[in-house]
Amino acid sequence: MLNIVLFGPPGAGKGTQSAKLIEKYNLVHLSTGDIFRANIKNETELGKLAKSYIDKGQLVPDEVTIGMLADEVNKNTNAKGFIFDGFPRTQAQAEALDTLLRNKNSSITLMLALEVEEEELRKRLLLRGKDSGRADDQNPEIIQNRINVYNAETTPVKDFYQNQGKYKGINGIGEIETIFEALCTAIDTNK
């Protein structure tokens, strides 16, 4: 089973690249952002709780995120693999994901990290906010807070996978196809 963590700060291009990877490798896409947005749109209890954190640019608590993700993994019993987009965001989540997959006789194959400078991230997110109407991508203060939260709380996940020999940094600036080719090369040499 091919299980990939697609990692990177907000605006790094995870959504764009994950769509291409899903098609090429026939993976199930698990995006916590998409799952949260669906719950928010449907005004579920989880959605209301998640929205209260997201609106402030904060991370949703681990226990909520992990429980939700376990449900999604369990719904896809015949999957050839998963691409985890936006998860794990903390070391506790990474450990919980390892446990979840180990209980299914599987593990993370590779963490692919899209590396993009902060100034470029701010530009991309503001542009995405104009195009998508997403409130969290239209406010420069919330954008900066999301980047700061990523740097403070999420970057340590890199060390977790680096210590397992599963981390691969990919330059996230350039043509979409060039970045995609670099991601595929990393996957194909680590399968």
Protein backbone atom coordinates (compact mmCIF):
# COMPACT_ATOMS: atom_id res chain seq x y z
CA MET A 1 0.00 0.00 0.00
CA LEU A 2 1.33 3.44 -1.00
CA ASN A 3 0.66 5.97 1.77
CA ILE A 4 1.95 9.49 1.23
CA VAL A 5 1.89 12.50 3.52
CA LEU A 6 1.83 15.60 1.33
CA PHE A 7 3.29 18.31 3.52
CA GLY A 8 3.81 22.03 3.21
CA PRO A 9 2.62 25.38 4.49
CA PRO A 10 -0.74 26.89 3.50
CA GLY A 11 -0.57 27.89 -0.16
CA ALA A 12 2.33 25.57 -1.08
CA GLY A 13 0.30 23.78 -3.77
CA LYS A 14 -0.71 20.63 -1.91
CA GLY A 15 -4.23 20.59 -3.37
CA THR A 16 -3.00 21.04 -6.95
CA GLN A 17 -0.31 18.38 -6.67
CA SER A 18 -2.40 15.89 -4.70
CA ALA A 19 -5.02 15.85 -7.49
CA LYS A 20 -2.32 14.87 -9.98
CA LEU A 21 -0.79 12.25 -7.66
CA ILE A 22 -4.19 10.69 -6.95
CA GLU A 23 -4.83 10.23 -10.65
CA LYS A 24 -1.40 8.79 -11.42
CA TYR A 25 -1.13 6.41 -8.46
CA ASN A 26 -4.86 5.66 -7.90
CA LEU A 27 -4.80 6.86 -4.29
CA VAL A 28 -7.63 7.92 -2.00
CA HIS A 29 -7.32 11.60 -1.16
CA LEU A 30 -7.82 12.48 2.49
CA SER A 31 -7.71 16.24 2.97
CA THR A 32 -8.57 17.38 6.45
CA GLY A 33 -9.34 20.80 5.00
CA ASP A 34 -11.90 19.34 2.59
CA ILE A 35 -13.39 17.16 5.32
CA PHE A 36 -13.62 20.15 7.67
CA ARG A 37 -15.19 22.34 4.96
CA ALA A 38 -17.81 19.66 4.17
CA ASN A 39 -18.68 19.42 7.86
CA ILE A 40 -18.82 23.22 8.17
CA LYS A 41 -21.07 23.50 5.11
CA ASN A 42 -23.40 20.83 6.50
CA GLU A 43 -23.29 22.51 9.92
CA THR A 44 -22.44 19.29 11.76
CA GLU A 45 -21.29 19.50 15.37
CA LEU A 46 -17.75 18.71 14.18
CA GLY A 47 -18.09 21.42 11.53
CA LYS A 48 -19.15 24.04 14.06
CA LEU A 49 -16.28 23.11 16.35
CA ALA A 50 -13.74 23.05 13.52
CA LYS A 51 -14.98 26.44 12.23
CA SER A 52 -14.40 28.09 15.60
CA TYR A 53 -10.68 27.19 15.33
CA ILE A 54 -10.23 27.68 11.58
CA ASP A 55 -11.75 31.18 11.70
CA LYS A 56 -8.94 32.20 14.07
CA GLY A 57 -6.25 30.52 11.94
CA GLN A 58 -5.69 27.87 14.62
CA LEU A 59 -5.38 24.11 14.31
CA VAL A 60 -8.38 21.93 15.10
CA PRO A 61 -7.64 19.81 18.23
CA ASP A 62 -5.94 16.46 17.60
CA GLU A 63 -8.66 14.24 19.03
CA VAL A 64 -11.28 15.74 16.69
CA THR A 65 -9.03 15.51 13.65
CA ILE A 66 -7.76 11.97 14.36
CA GLY A 67 -11.23 10.56 15.00
CA MET A 68 -12.54 12.09 11.80
CA LEU A 69 -9.60 10.78 9.78
CA ALA A 70 -9.94 7.25 11.19
CA ASP A 71 -13.56 7.24 10.03
CA GLU A 72 -12.48 8.22 6.52
CA VAL A 73 -9.73 5.54 6.37
CA ASN A 74 -12.21 2.90 7.56
CA LYS A 75 -14.68 3.87 4.80
CA ASN A 76 -12.06 2.98 2.14
CA THR A 77 -11.27 -0.67 2.85
CA ASN A 78 -10.23 -1.47 -0.75
CA ALA A 79 -7.88 1.49 -1.21
CA LYS A 80 -4.51 0.96 -2.93
CA GLY A 81 -3.18 3.72 -0.73
CA PHE A 82 -3.86 7.15 0.66
CA ILE A 83 -2.53 10.62 0.19
CA PHE A 84 -2.82 12.57 3.43
CA ASP A 85 -3.16 16.27 2.58
CA GLY A 86 -2.93 18.64 5.53
CA PHE A 87 -2.44 15.82 8.02
CA PRO A 88 -0.59 15.12 10.24
CA ARG A 89 0.07 18.64 11.49
CA THR A 90 1.56 17.76 14.88
CA GLN A 91 3.83 15.04 16.16
CA ALA A 92 0.94 13.63 18.22
CA GLN A 93 -1.10 13.35 15.01
CA ALA A 94 1.84 11.68 13.21
CA GLU A 95 2.14 9.12 16.03
CA ALA A 96 -1.63 8.53 15.95
CA LEU A 97 -1.53 8.07 12.16
CA ASP A 98 1.31 5.54 12.49
CA THR A 99 -0.79 3.64 15.04
CA LEU A 100 -3.91 3.77 12.86
CA LEU A 101 -2.02 2.43 9.83
CA ARG A 102 -0.10 -0.17 11.86
CA ASN A 103 -3.46 -1.55 13.02
CA LYS A 104 -4.24 -2.02 9.33
CA ASN A 105 -0.84 -3.68 8.66
CA SER A 106 0.38 -0.63 6.79
CA SER A 107 2.54 2.46 7.30
CA ILE A 108 3.47 5.81 5.78
CA THR A 109 5.63 5.22 2.71
CA LEU A 110 6.92 8.76 2.28
CA MET A 111 6.44 12.34 3.42
CA LEU A 112 6.75 14.73 0.50
CA ALA A 113 7.21 18.34 1.57
CA LEU A 114 6.53 21.22 -0.81
CA GLU A 115 8.98 23.95 0.21
CA VAL A 116 7.93 27.54 -0.58
CA GLU A 117 9.17 30.89 0.81
CA GLU A 118 6.76 32.85 3.03
CA GLU A 119 6.41 35.87 0.71
CA GLU A 120 5.32 33.58 -2.13
CA LEU A 121 2.84 31.85 0.21
CA ARG A 122 1.24 35.17 1.16
CA LYS A 123 0.86 36.13 -2.53
CA ARG A 124 -0.64 32.75 -3.45
CA LEU A 125 -3.10 32.73 -0.55
CA LEU A 126 -4.36 36.26 -1.23
CA LEU A 127 -4.84 35.36 -4.90
CA ARG A 128 -6.63 32.13 -3.96
CA GLY A 129 -8.84 34.12 -1.57
CA LYS A 130 -9.93 36.42 -4.40
CA ASP A 131 -10.62 33.48 -6.71
CA SER A 132 -12.28 31.12 -4.21
CA GLY A 133 -14.03 33.50 -1.85
CA ARG A 134 -12.49 31.69 1.14
CA ALA A 135 -12.50 34.16 4.03
CA ASP A 136 -9.38 32.61 5.62
CA ASP A 137 -7.41 33.38 2.42
CA GLN A 138 -8.50 37.03 2.19
CA ASN A 139 -7.23 38.43 5.48
CA PRO A 140 -3.45 39.06 5.59
CA GLU A 141 -3.41 38.79 9.41
CA ILE A 142 -5.12 35.38 9.37
CA ILE A 143 -2.81 34.25 6.56
CA GLN A 144 0.26 35.27 8.57
CA ASN A 145 -1.14 33.56 11.66
CA ARG A 146 -1.67 30.34 9.66
CA ILE A 147 1.94 30.50 8.45
CA ASN A 148 3.17 31.20 11.99
CA VAL A 149 1.13 28.28 13.38
CA TYR A 150 2.53 26.05 10.64
CA ASN A 151 6.11 27.09 11.46
CA ALA A 152 5.68 26.68 15.21
CA GLU A 153 3.47 23.61 15.48
CA THR A 154 3.67 21.70 12.21
CA THR A 155 7.30 21.88 11.15
CA PRO A 156 8.34 19.43 13.94
CA VAL A 157 6.42 16.73 12.03
CA LYS A 158 9.22 16.98 9.45
CA ASP A 159 11.70 15.74 12.06
CA PHE A 160 9.38 12.85 12.97
CA TYR A 161 9.45 11.50 9.41
CA GLN A 162 13.08 12.48 8.82
CA ASN A 163 14.04 10.28 11.77
CA GLN A 164 12.19 7.40 10.06
CA GLY A 165 14.02 8.06 6.77
CA LYS A 166 10.71 8.93 5.07
CA TYR A 167 11.10 12.69 4.49
CA LYS A 168 11.76 14.21 1.05
CA GLY A 169 11.77 17.98 0.45
CA ILE A 170 10.59 19.17 -2.97
CA ASN A 171 10.97 22.71 -4.33
CA GLY A 172 7.39 24.01 -4.51
CA ILE A 173 8.18 27.02 -6.71
CA GLY A 174 8.08 26.62 -10.47
CA GLU A 175 5.88 25.08 -13.13
CA ILE A 176 3.20 22.70 -11.86
CA GLU A 177 4.43 19.90 -14.16
CA THR A 178 8.06 20.29 -13.06
CA ILE A 179 7.04 20.04 -9.39
CA PHE A 180 4.81 17.05 -10.21
CA GLU A 181 7.71 15.25 -11.96
CA ALA A 182 9.92 15.80 -8.89
CA LEU A 183 7.19 14.35 -6.65
CA CYS A 184 6.77 11.30 -8.92
CA THR A 185 10.52 10.68 -9.00
CA ALA A 186 10.61 10.72 -5.20
CA ILE A 187 7.68 8.28 -5.01
CA ASP A 188 8.98 5.92 -7.67
CA THR A 189 12.42 5.65 -6.06
CA ASN A 190 10.88 4.94 -2.63
CA LYS A 191 8.10 2.44 -3.45
